[in-house]
Amino acid sequence: MNSSPSVEDLRLVEALARHGSLGAAGRELLISQPAASNRLAALERRIGERLFDRDTTGARPTPAGRALAAEAAHVLAHLAEIFDRTRVAAHTGTLTIGTFGSLAPWLFPALEELLAGRNLHQVTDHGDRLVDWVGEGSLDAAFVAIANQMRLPGTVSALPIGADRLAVLTPPDVTLHAGRRPFAGLDVIAYTYDMSTAALHRRLSELGARPRAAATAETAVRMGRLLRCPVVLPRGMGLAYAEPQERLGAVAVAGRLILHLVTRRPTPPVLARAALSLPAHLALDPLMKP
């Protein structure tokens, strides 16, 4: 059995979350209330979670239902744009390229320069979604840091283009300790763009920190400045955000972050050429040879 929801499943969940009524959701989707109820029940069985609490007054989303409704709205909005983007690409040579939010402010301006003469349609989302969209053909390329940490669709290739390490950004009035526990007694804002967040927090705890998560690199830097505490983040982003009075130094956390270019097979030459120059724009160690 296919474990992925159908478009009809997503439309039902999104409509039911908006209307709060199976009858109203069914009327919008041109199906009967019993059919809507049966479809919802089947979806709940497949997921293994109750999505809506239903009684005579209507239907109210559970936490699982709210999460799925938000995902459904996002996916449906993306699907609604596919034909328009396809038509535009057919006539203008547009490339639809995605990346995660923290890299977007640095990646997309660099690509505008490196792909001069091409129209770029920018997409930001989580890396795993972007990779799936490349696999299905709705994105031309994705720049992500998790390609070596997930199972890739068989239709795509992942080209490692640059490497980075974590570093610590220290506000001017914050002092780190010497020795094995440089963060002893300190809150430390932590951000990484791969799947190693849990391991990073464990390592920072070993170094004496009280780790706190941030959703993006910019959020981490702003929190560190506000709370006057160290920020651990990828070095390239630390260089981009650091102010003259702040210090950026090494941190005793093992491992490298690898940025990949993900495309359908084979990698388009125009994107491969641009990827050769990207590390210099993003303060990464290059991994590709000319």
C-alpha atoms as a PDB file:
ATOM      1  CA  MET A   1       0.000   0.000   0.000  1.00  0.00           C
ATOM      2  CA  ASN A   2       1.233   3.495  -0.897  1.00  0.00           C
ATOM      3  CA  SER A   3       2.106   5.315   2.324  1.00  0.00           C
ATOM      4  CA  SER A   4       1.893   8.753   0.698  1.00  0.00           C
ATOM      5  CA  PRO A   5      -1.379  10.700   0.853  1.00  0.00           C
ATOM      6  CA  SER A   6      -3.167  11.398  -2.407  1.00  0.00           C
ATOM      7  CA  VAL A   7      -3.977  14.903  -3.596  1.00  0.00           C
ATOM      8  CA  GLU A   8      -7.627  14.163  -2.770  1.00  0.00           C
ATOM      9  CA  ASP A   9      -6.621  13.257   0.799  1.00  0.00           C
ATOM     10  CA  LEU A  10      -4.744  16.532   1.171  1.00  0.00           C
ATOM     11  CA  ARG A  11      -7.622  18.561  -0.254  1.00  0.00           C
ATOM     12  CA  LEU A  12     -10.048  16.956   2.184  1.00  0.00           C
ATOM     13  CA  VAL A  13      -7.857  17.603   5.231  1.00  0.00           C
ATOM     14  CA  GLU A  14      -7.195  21.213   4.200  1.00  0.00           C
ATOM     15  CA  ALA A  15     -10.879  21.913   3.494  1.00  0.00           C
ATOM     16  CA  LEU A  16     -12.034  20.232   6.705  1.00  0.00           C
ATOM     17  CA  ALA A  17      -9.578  22.274   8.773  1.00  0.00           C
ATOM     18  CA  ARG A  18     -10.947  25.476   7.204  1.00  0.00           C
ATOM     19  CA  HIS A  19     -14.654  24.635   7.403  1.00  0.00           C
ATOM     20  CA  GLY A  20     -14.797  22.551  10.578  1.00  0.00           C
ATOM     21  CA  SER A  21     -17.521  20.449   8.991  1.00  0.00           C
ATOM     22  CA  LEU A  22     -17.445  17.289   6.888  1.00  0.00           C
ATOM     23  CA  GLY A  23     -20.580  18.401   5.087  1.00  0.00           C
ATOM     24  CA  ALA A  24     -19.124  21.778   4.109  1.00  0.00           C
ATOM     25  CA  ALA A  25     -15.801  20.232   3.112  1.00  0.00           C
ATOM     26  CA  GLY A  26     -17.620  17.644   1.021  1.00  0.00           C
ATOM     27  CA  ARG A  27     -19.677  20.306  -0.765  1.00  0.00           C
ATOM     28  CA  GLU A  28     -16.521  22.227  -1.662  1.00  0.00           C
ATOM     29  CA  LEU A  29     -14.930  19.052  -3.019  1.00  0.00           C
ATOM     30  CA  LEU A  30     -18.163  17.876  -4.710  1.00  0.00           C
ATOM     31  CA  ILE A  31     -18.412  14.662  -2.711  1.00  0.00           C
ATOM     32  CA  SER A  32     -21.054  13.485  -0.257  1.00  0.00           C
ATOM     33  CA  GLN A  33     -20.619  13.746   3.501  1.00  0.00           C
ATOM     34  CA  PRO A  34     -20.502   9.923   3.900  1.00  0.00           C
ATOM     35  CA  ALA A  35     -17.816   9.739   1.198  1.00  0.00           C
ATOM     36  CA  ALA A  36     -15.811  12.456   2.936  1.00  0.00           C
ATOM     37  CA  SER A  37     -16.195  10.674   6.276  1.00  0.00           C
ATOM     38  CA  ASN A  38     -15.073   7.350   4.808  1.00  0.00           C
ATOM     39  CA  ARG A  39     -12.052   8.939   3.105  1.00  0.00           C
ATOM     40  CA  LEU A  40     -11.017  10.638   6.348  1.00  0.00           C
ATOM     41  CA  ALA A  41     -11.399   7.420   8.342  1.00  0.00           C
ATOM     42  CA  ALA A  42      -9.292   5.516   5.803  1.00  0.00           C
ATOM     43  CA  LEU A  43      -6.602   8.197   5.957  1.00  0.00           C
ATOM     44  CA  GLU A  44      -6.527   8.055   9.763  1.00  0.00           C
ATOM     45  CA  ARG A  45      -6.100   4.280   9.632  1.00  0.00           C
ATOM     46  CA  ARG A  46      -3.168   4.619   7.236  1.00  0.00           C
ATOM     47  CA  ILE A  47      -1.472   7.266   9.372  1.00  0.00           C
ATOM     48  CA  GLY A  48      -2.287   5.563  12.656  1.00  0.00           C
ATOM     49  CA  GLU A  49      -3.402   8.831  14.263  1.00  0.00           C
ATOM     50  CA  ARG A  50      -6.735  10.530  14.816  1.00  0.00           C
ATOM     51  CA  LEU A  51      -6.774  13.713  12.750  1.00  0.00           C
ATOM     52  CA  PHE A  52     -10.101  15.281  13.722  1.00  0.00           C
ATOM     53  CA  ASP A  53     -12.393  14.982  16.726  1.00  0.00           C
ATOM     54  CA  ARG A  54     -15.885  14.680  15.281  1.00  0.00           C
ATOM     55  CA  ASP A  55     -19.287  15.095  16.922  1.00  0.00           C
ATOM     56  CA  THR A  56     -22.669  16.657  16.134  1.00  0.00           C
ATOM     57  CA  THR A  57     -21.215  20.185  16.347  1.00  0.00           C
ATOM     58  CA  GLY A  58     -18.546  19.649  13.691  1.00  0.00           C
ATOM     59  CA  ALA A  59     -14.944  18.497  13.294  1.00  0.00           C
ATOM     60  CA  ARG A  60     -11.987  19.927  15.179  1.00  0.00           C
ATOM     61  CA  PRO A  61      -8.389  19.113  14.224  1.00  0.00           C
ATOM     62  CA  THR A  62      -6.223  17.265  16.715  1.00  0.00           C
ATOM     63  CA  PRO A  63      -2.542  18.271  16.953  1.00  0.00           C
ATOM     64  CA  ALA A  64      -1.841  15.668  14.267  1.00  0.00           C
ATOM     65  CA  GLY A  65      -4.658  17.075  12.160  1.00  0.00           C
ATOM     66  CA  ARG A  66      -3.371  20.631  12.448  1.00  0.00           C
ATOM     67  CA  ALA A  67       0.103  19.501  11.413  1.00  0.00           C
ATOM     68  CA  LEU A  68      -1.215  17.588   8.392  1.00  0.00           C
ATOM     69  CA  ALA A  69      -3.523  20.465   7.397  1.00  0.00           C
ATOM     70  CA  ALA A  70      -0.566  22.866   7.374  1.00  0.00           C
ATOM     71  CA  GLU A  71       1.477  20.432   5.276  1.00  0.00           C
ATOM     72  CA  ALA A  72      -1.482  19.909   2.947  1.00  0.00           C
ATOM     73  CA  ALA A  73      -1.956  23.643   2.392  1.00  0.00           C
ATOM     74  CA  HIS A  74       1.739  24.006   1.578  1.00  0.00           C
ATOM     75  CA  VAL A  75       1.821  21.106  -0.885  1.00  0.00           C
ATOM     76  CA  LEU A  76      -1.425  22.148  -2.596  1.00  0.00           C
ATOM     77  CA  ALA A  77      -0.141  25.690  -3.066  1.00  0.00           C
ATOM     78  CA  HIS A  78       3.037  24.274  -4.600  1.00  0.00           C
ATOM     79  CA  LEU A  79       1.049  22.020  -6.943  1.00  0.00           C
ATOM     80  CA  ALA A  80      -1.168  24.914  -8.014  1.00  0.00           C
ATOM     81  CA  GLU A  81       1.889  26.750  -9.367  1.00  0.00           C
ATOM     82  CA  ILE A  82       3.465  23.873 -11.293  1.00  0.00           C
ATOM     83  CA  PHE A  83       1.729  24.437 -14.632  1.00  0.00           C
ATOM     84  CA  ASP A  84       2.352  28.200 -14.505  1.00  0.00           C
ATOM     85  CA  ARG A  85       6.038  27.694 -13.772  1.00  0.00           C
ATOM     86  CA  THR A  86       6.265  25.083 -16.526  1.00  0.00           C
ATOM     87  CA  ARG A  87       4.731  27.441 -19.086  1.00  0.00           C
ATOM     88  CA  VAL A  88       7.034  30.271 -18.034  1.00  0.00           C
ATOM     89  CA  ALA A  89      10.080  28.006 -18.207  1.00  0.00           C
ATOM     90  CA  ALA A  90       9.144  26.851 -21.699  1.00  0.00           C
ATOM     91  CA  HIS A  91       9.275  30.400 -23.039  1.00  0.00           C
ATOM     92  CA  THR A  92      11.917  32.133 -20.939  1.00  0.00           C
ATOM     93  CA  GLY A  93      14.482  29.516 -19.977  1.00  0.00           C
ATOM     94  CA  THR A  94      13.596  29.873 -16.310  1.00  0.00           C
ATOM     95  CA  LEU A  95      15.396  27.665 -13.803  1.00  0.00           C
ATOM     96  CA  THR A  96      13.459  26.773 -10.673  1.00  0.00           C
ATOM     97  CA  ILE A  97      15.967  26.351  -7.858  1.00  0.00           C
ATOM     98  CA  GLY A  98      15.375  25.618  -4.196  1.00  0.00           C
ATOM     99  CA  THR A  99      17.338  25.796  -0.984  1.00  0.00           C
ATOM    100  CA  PHE A 100      16.747  26.078   2.762  1.00  0.00           C
ATOM    101  CA  GLY A 101      15.891  29.405   4.331  1.00  0.00           C
ATOM    102  CA  SER A 102      19.207  30.173   6.028  1.00  0.00           C
ATOM    103  CA  LEU A 103      21.207  29.776   2.814  1.00  0.00           C
ATOM    104  CA  ALA A 104      18.783  31.628   0.531  1.00  0.00           C
ATOM    105  CA  PRO A 105      20.060  35.194   1.215  1.00  0.00           C
ATOM    106  CA  TRP A 106      23.562  34.168   0.124  1.00  0.00           C
ATOM    107  CA  LEU A 107      22.874  31.506  -2.510  1.00  0.00           C
ATOM    108  CA  PHE A 108      20.332  33.232  -4.719  1.00  0.00           C
ATOM    109  CA  PRO A 109      22.299  36.480  -5.243  1.00  0.00           C
ATOM    110  CA  ALA A 110      25.361  34.382  -6.099  1.00  0.00           C
ATOM    111  CA  LEU A 111      23.362  32.351  -8.622  1.00  0.00           C
ATOM    112  CA  GLU A 112      21.968  35.540 -10.183  1.00  0.00           C
ATOM    113  CA  GLU A 113      25.566  36.510 -10.904  1.00  0.00           C
ATOM    114  CA  LEU A 114      26.784  33.077 -11.966  1.00  0.00           C
ATOM    115  CA  LEU A 115      23.742  32.334 -14.141  1.00  0.00           C
ATOM    116  CA  ALA A 116      23.484  35.779 -15.714  1.00  0.00           C
ATOM    117  CA  GLY A 117      20.960  35.787 -18.550  1.00  0.00           C
ATOM    118  CA  ARG A 118      18.808  33.110 -16.936  1.00  0.00           C
ATOM    119  CA  ASN A 119      15.559  33.795 -15.113  1.00  0.00           C
ATOM    120  CA  LEU A 120      15.610  32.155 -11.681  1.00  0.00           C
ATOM    121  CA  HIS A 121      12.501  31.138  -9.791  1.00  0.00           C
ATOM    122  CA  GLN A 122      13.435  30.878  -6.108  1.00  0.00           C
ATOM    123  CA  VAL A 123      11.950  28.291  -3.748  1.00  0.00           C
ATOM    124  CA  THR A 124      12.751  27.818  -0.051  1.00  0.00           C
ATOM    125  CA  ASP A 125      11.717  24.825   2.037  1.00  0.00           C
ATOM    126  CA  HIS A 126      13.109  21.914   4.029  1.00  0.00           C
ATOM    127  CA  GLY A 127      15.844  19.982   2.265  1.00  0.00           C
ATOM    128  CA  ASP A 128      14.017  16.658   2.070  1.00  0.00           C
ATOM    129  CA  ARG A 129      11.022  18.254   0.359  1.00  0.00           C
ATOM    130  CA  LEU A 130      13.244  20.061  -2.107  1.00  0.00           C
ATOM    131  CA  VAL A 131      14.992  16.816  -3.036  1.00  0.00           C
ATOM    132  CA  ASP A 132      11.630  15.109  -3.595  1.00  0.00           C
ATOM    133  CA  TRP A 133      10.489  17.977  -5.819  1.00  0.00           C
ATOM    134  CA  VAL A 134      13.651  17.654  -7.897  1.00  0.00           C
ATOM    135  CA  GLY A 135      12.908  13.956  -8.208  1.00  0.00           C
ATOM    136  CA  GLU A 136       9.369  14.590  -9.430  1.00  0.00           C
ATOM    137  CA  GLY A 137      10.529  17.282 -11.851  1.00  0.00           C
ATOM    138  CA  SER A 138       8.930  20.388 -10.327  1.00  0.00           C
ATOM    139  CA  LEU A 139      12.355  21.803  -9.363  1.00  0.00           C
ATOM    140  CA  ASP A 140      15.352  21.986 -11.662  1.00  0.00           C
ATOM    141  CA  ALA A 141      17.829  21.907  -8.796  1.00  0.00           C
ATOM    142  CA  ALA A 142      18.167  22.077  -5.030  1.00  0.00           C
ATOM    143  CA  PHE A 143      21.120  23.119  -2.907  1.00  0.00           C
ATOM    144  CA  VAL A 144      20.891  21.157   0.351  1.00  0.00           C
ATOM    145  CA  ALA A 145      23.145  19.868   3.113  1.00  0.00           C
ATOM    146  CA  ILE A 146      21.327  16.611   3.841  1.00  0.00           C
ATOM    147  CA  ALA A 147      21.763  14.728   0.565  1.00  0.00           C
ATOM    148  CA  ASN A 148      24.319  12.422   2.196  1.00  0.00           C
ATOM    149  CA  GLN A 149      21.979  11.816   5.151  1.00  0.00           C
ATOM    150  CA  MET A 150      18.820  10.689   3.353  1.00  0.00           C
ATOM    151  CA  ARG A 151      17.651   8.222   0.748  1.00  0.00           C
ATOM    152  CA  LEU A 152      17.596   9.993  -2.599  1.00  0.00           C
ATOM    153  CA  PRO A 153      15.029   9.387  -5.342  1.00  0.00           C
ATOM    154  CA  GLY A 154      16.426   7.173  -8.066  1.00  0.00           C
ATOM    155  CA  THR A 155      15.999   9.910 -10.667  1.00  0.00           C
ATOM    156  CA  VAL A 156      18.411  12.400  -9.062  1.00  0.00           C
ATOM    157  CA  SER A 157      22.124  12.854  -8.557  1.00  0.00           C
ATOM    158  CA  ALA A 158      23.789  14.751  -5.709  1.00  0.00           C
ATOM    159  CA  LEU A 159      27.021  16.572  -6.467  1.00  0.00           C
ATOM    160  CA  PRO A 160      29.079  17.642  -3.402  1.00  0.00           C
ATOM    161  CA  ILE A 161      30.218  21.191  -4.080  1.00  0.00           C
ATOM    162  CA  GLY A 162      31.492  22.648  -0.801  1.00  0.00           C
ATOM    163  CA  ALA A 163      32.274  21.835   2.819  1.00  0.00           C
ATOM    164  CA  ASP A 164      32.007  23.814   6.030  1.00  0.00           C
ATOM    165  CA  ARG A 165      32.595  23.312   9.749  1.00  0.00           C
ATOM    166  CA  LEU A 166      30.872  24.642  12.794  1.00  0.00           C
ATOM    167  CA  ALA A 167      32.332  27.662  14.552  1.00  0.00           C
ATOM    168  CA  VAL A 168      31.495  29.788  17.578  1.00  0.00           C
ATOM    169  CA  LEU A 169      30.494  33.436  17.249  1.00  0.00           C
ATOM    170  CA  THR A 170      31.120  35.289  20.495  1.00  0.00           C
ATOM    171  CA  PRO A 171      29.645  38.712  21.333  1.00  0.00           C
ATOM    172  CA  PRO A 172      32.202  41.275  22.552  1.00  0.00           C
ATOM    173  CA  ASP A 173      31.155  41.116  26.226  1.00  0.00           C
ATOM    174  CA  VAL A 174      31.151  37.295  26.455  1.00  0.00           C
ATOM    175  CA  THR A 175      34.207  35.306  27.558  1.00  0.00           C
ATOM    176  CA  LEU A 176      34.652  31.592  26.954  1.00  0.00           C
ATOM    177  CA  HIS A 177      36.441  29.432  29.524  1.00  0.00           C
ATOM    178  CA  ALA A 178      39.765  27.709  28.967  1.00  0.00           C
ATOM    179  CA  GLY A 179      40.049  23.927  29.071  1.00  0.00           C
ATOM    180  CA  ARG A 180      37.687  21.133  28.190  1.00  0.00           C
ATOM    181  CA  ARG A 181      34.469  22.949  29.090  1.00  0.00           C
ATOM    182  CA  PRO A 182      34.646  26.325  27.354  1.00  0.00           C
ATOM    183  CA  PHE A 183      30.880  26.824  27.648  1.00  0.00           C
ATOM    184  CA  ALA A 184      30.553  25.883  31.341  1.00  0.00           C
ATOM    185  CA  GLY A 185      27.472  27.548  32.792  1.00  0.00           C
ATOM    186  CA  LEU A 186      26.636  29.367  29.543  1.00  0.00           C
ATOM    187  CA  ASP A 187      23.570  29.305  27.351  1.00  0.00           C
ATOM    188  CA  VAL A 188      24.713  28.573  23.793  1.00  0.00           C
ATOM    189  CA  ILE A 189      22.509  29.212  20.774  1.00  0.00           C
ATOM    190  CA  ALA A 190      23.019  26.399  18.272  1.00  0.00           C
ATOM    191  CA  TYR A 191      22.120  26.197  14.593  1.00  0.00           C
ATOM    192  CA  THR A 192      23.192  23.728  11.949  1.00  0.00           C
ATOM    193  CA  TYR A 193      21.707  23.096   8.528  1.00  0.00           C
ATOM    194  CA  ASP A 194      22.076  19.325   8.333  1.00  0.00           C
ATOM    195  CA  MET A 195      20.413  16.555  10.370  1.00  0.00           C
ATOM    196  CA  SER A 196      22.893  16.606  13.266  1.00  0.00           C
ATOM    197  CA  THR A 197      21.055  18.973  15.636  1.00  0.00           C
ATOM    198  CA  ALA A 198      20.530  16.371  18.367  1.00  0.00           C
ATOM    199  CA  ALA A 199      24.176  15.241  18.228  1.00  0.00           C
ATOM    200  CA  LEU A 200      25.315  18.869  18.264  1.00  0.00           C
ATOM    201  CA  HIS A 201      23.303  19.590  21.409  1.00  0.00           C
ATOM    202  CA  ARG A 202      24.771  16.514  23.124  1.00  0.00           C
ATOM    203  CA  ARG A 203      28.303  17.620  22.259  1.00  0.00           C
ATOM    204  CA  LEU A 204      27.682  21.171  23.464  1.00  0.00           C
ATOM    205  CA  SER A 205      26.348  19.762  26.734  1.00  0.00           C
ATOM    206  CA  GLU A 206      29.612  17.823  27.115  1.00  0.00           C
ATOM    207  CA  LEU A 207      31.414  21.143  26.658  1.00  0.00           C
ATOM    208  CA  GLY A 208      29.422  22.589  29.556  1.00  0.00           C
ATOM    209  CA  ALA A 209      26.759  24.442  27.574  1.00  0.00           C
ATOM    210  CA  ARG A 210      23.045  24.771  28.046  1.00  0.00           C
ATOM    211  CA  PRO A 211      22.214  24.438  24.327  1.00  0.00           C
ATOM    212  CA  ARG A 212      19.264  26.311  22.859  1.00  0.00           C
ATOM    213  CA  ALA A 213      17.989  25.722  19.341  1.00  0.00           C
ATOM    214  CA  ALA A 214      17.385  28.378  16.705  1.00  0.00           C
ATOM    215  CA  ALA A 215      15.288  27.961  13.566  1.00  0.00           C
ATOM    216  CA  THR A 216      17.689  29.791  11.224  1.00  0.00           C
ATOM    217  CA  ALA A 217      21.223  31.135  11.236  1.00  0.00           C
ATOM    218  CA  GLU A 218      19.998  34.729  11.421  1.00  0.00           C
ATOM    219  CA  THR A 219      17.725  33.825  14.330  1.00  0.00           C
ATOM    220  CA  ALA A 220      20.677  32.245  16.143  1.00  0.00           C
ATOM    221  CA  VAL A 221      22.843  35.331  15.693  1.00  0.00           C
ATOM    222  CA  ARG A 222      20.091  37.706  16.808  1.00  0.00           C
ATOM    223  CA  MET A 223      19.343  35.555  19.862  1.00  0.00           C
ATOM    224  CA  GLY A 224      23.021  35.438  20.790  1.00  0.00           C
ATOM    225  CA  ARG A 225      23.305  39.207  20.629  1.00  0.00           C
ATOM    226  CA  LEU A 226      20.094  39.733  22.581  1.00  0.00           C
ATOM    227  CA  LEU A 227      20.928  37.205  25.300  1.00  0.00           C
ATOM    228  CA  ARG A 228      24.684  37.942  25.274  1.00  0.00           C
ATOM    229  CA  CYS A 229      25.715  34.342  24.773  1.00  0.00           C
ATOM    230  CA  PRO A 230      27.850  32.374  22.293  1.00  0.00           C
ATOM    231  CA  VAL A 231      26.393  31.160  19.011  1.00  0.00           C
ATOM    232  CA  VAL A 232      27.499  27.913  17.359  1.00  0.00           C
ATOM    233  CA  LEU A 233      26.717  27.863  13.640  1.00  0.00           C
ATOM    234  CA  PRO A 234      28.336  27.004  10.289  1.00  0.00           C
ATOM    235  CA  ARG A 235      31.513  29.025   9.823  1.00  0.00           C
ATOM    236  CA  GLY A 236      30.503  30.453   6.446  1.00  0.00           C
ATOM    237  CA  MET A 237      27.347  31.914   7.923  1.00  0.00           C
ATOM    238  CA  GLY A 238      29.274  33.168  10.924  1.00  0.00           C
ATOM    239  CA  LEU A 239      31.579  35.077   8.576  1.00  0.00           C
ATOM    240  CA  ALA A 240      28.572  36.546   6.795  1.00  0.00           C
ATOM    241  CA  TYR A 241      26.845  37.748   9.963  1.00  0.00           C
ATOM    242  CA  ALA A 242      29.768  38.657  12.251  1.00  0.00           C
ATOM    243  CA  GLU A 243      30.164  42.312  13.152  1.00  0.00           C
ATOM    244  CA  PRO A 244      33.653  43.836  13.580  1.00  0.00           C
ATOM    245  CA  GLN A 245      33.595  43.636  17.382  1.00  0.00           C
ATOM    246  CA  GLU A 246      32.483  39.989  17.431  1.00  0.00           C
ATOM    247  CA  ARG A 247      34.873  37.021  17.409  1.00  0.00           C
ATOM    248  CA  LEU A 248      34.526  33.918  15.256  1.00  0.00           C
ATOM    249  CA  GLY A 249      36.582  30.938  16.376  1.00  0.00           C
ATOM    250  CA  ALA A 250      36.887  27.177  16.197  1.00  0.00           C
ATOM    251  CA  VAL A 251      34.651  24.949  18.282  1.00  0.00           C
ATOM    252  CA  ALA A 252      35.436  21.401  19.429  1.00  0.00           C
ATOM    253  CA  VAL A 253      32.666  19.720  17.451  1.00  0.00           C
ATOM    254  CA  ALA A 254      33.671  17.024  14.956  1.00  0.00           C
ATOM    255  CA  GLY A 255      32.317  16.605  11.467  1.00  0.00           C
ATOM    256  CA  ARG A 256      31.817  18.562   8.276  1.00  0.00           C
ATOM    257  CA  LEU A 257      28.753  20.043   6.630  1.00  0.00           C
ATOM    258  CA  ILE A 258      28.559  19.199   2.925  1.00  0.00           C
ATOM    259  CA  LEU A 259      26.522  21.312   0.521  1.00  0.00           C
ATOM    260  CA  HIS A 260      25.212  19.332  -2.453  1.00  0.00           C
ATOM    261  CA  LEU A 261      23.746  20.304  -5.792  1.00  0.00           C
ATOM    262  CA  VAL A 262      20.814  17.945  -6.404  1.00  0.00           C
ATOM    263  CA  THR A 263      19.441  17.656  -9.944  1.00  0.00           C
ATOM    264  CA  ARG A 264      17.813  15.060 -12.119  1.00  0.00           C
ATOM    265  CA  ARG A 265      20.281  12.849 -13.956  1.00  0.00           C
ATOM    266  CA  PRO A 266      22.499  13.904 -15.641  1.00  0.00           C
ATOM    267  CA  THR A 267      23.540  17.153 -13.943  1.00  0.00           C
ATOM    268  CA  PRO A 268      22.892  20.047 -16.384  1.00  0.00           C
ATOM    269  CA  PRO A 269      26.263  21.496 -17.483  1.00  0.00           C
ATOM    270  CA  VAL A 270      25.142  25.087 -16.825  1.00  0.00           C
ATOM    271  CA  LEU A 271      24.443  24.239 -13.175  1.00  0.00           C
ATOM    272  CA  ALA A 272      27.631  22.213 -12.786  1.00  0.00           C
ATOM    273  CA  ARG A 273      29.658  25.187 -14.055  1.00  0.00           C
ATOM    274  CA  ALA A 274      27.923  27.557 -11.642  1.00  0.00           C
ATOM    275  CA  ALA A 275      28.488  25.129  -8.772  1.00  0.00           C
ATOM    276  CA  LEU A 276      32.248  25.274  -9.381  1.00  0.00           C
ATOM    277  CA  SER A 277      32.289  28.950  -8.401  1.00  0.00           C
ATOM    278  CA  LEU A 278      29.768  28.832  -5.561  1.00  0.00           C
ATOM    279  CA  PRO A 279      32.153  27.898  -2.706  1.00  0.00           C
ATOM    280  CA  ALA A 280      34.005  31.201  -3.105  1.00  0.00           C
ATOM    281  CA  HIS A 281      30.721  33.106  -2.805  1.00  0.00           C
ATOM    282  CA  LEU A 282      29.581  31.119   0.244  1.00  0.00           C
ATOM    283  CA  ALA A 283      32.899  30.881   2.142  1.00  0.00           C
ATOM    284  CA  LEU A 284      33.003  27.092   1.715  1.00  0.00           C
ATOM    285  CA  ASP A 285      35.922  24.762   1.073  1.00  0.00           C
ATOM    286  CA  PRO A 286      35.552  23.662  -2.582  1.00  0.00           C
ATOM    287  CA  LEU A 287      35.003  19.979  -3.263  1.00  0.00           C
ATOM    288  CA  MET A 288      34.724  20.053  -7.072  1.00  0.00           C
ATOM    289  CA  LYS A 289      37.660  20.060  -9.469  1.00  0.00           C
ATOM    290  CA  PRO A 290      37.559  22.277 -12.587  1.00  0.00           C
END
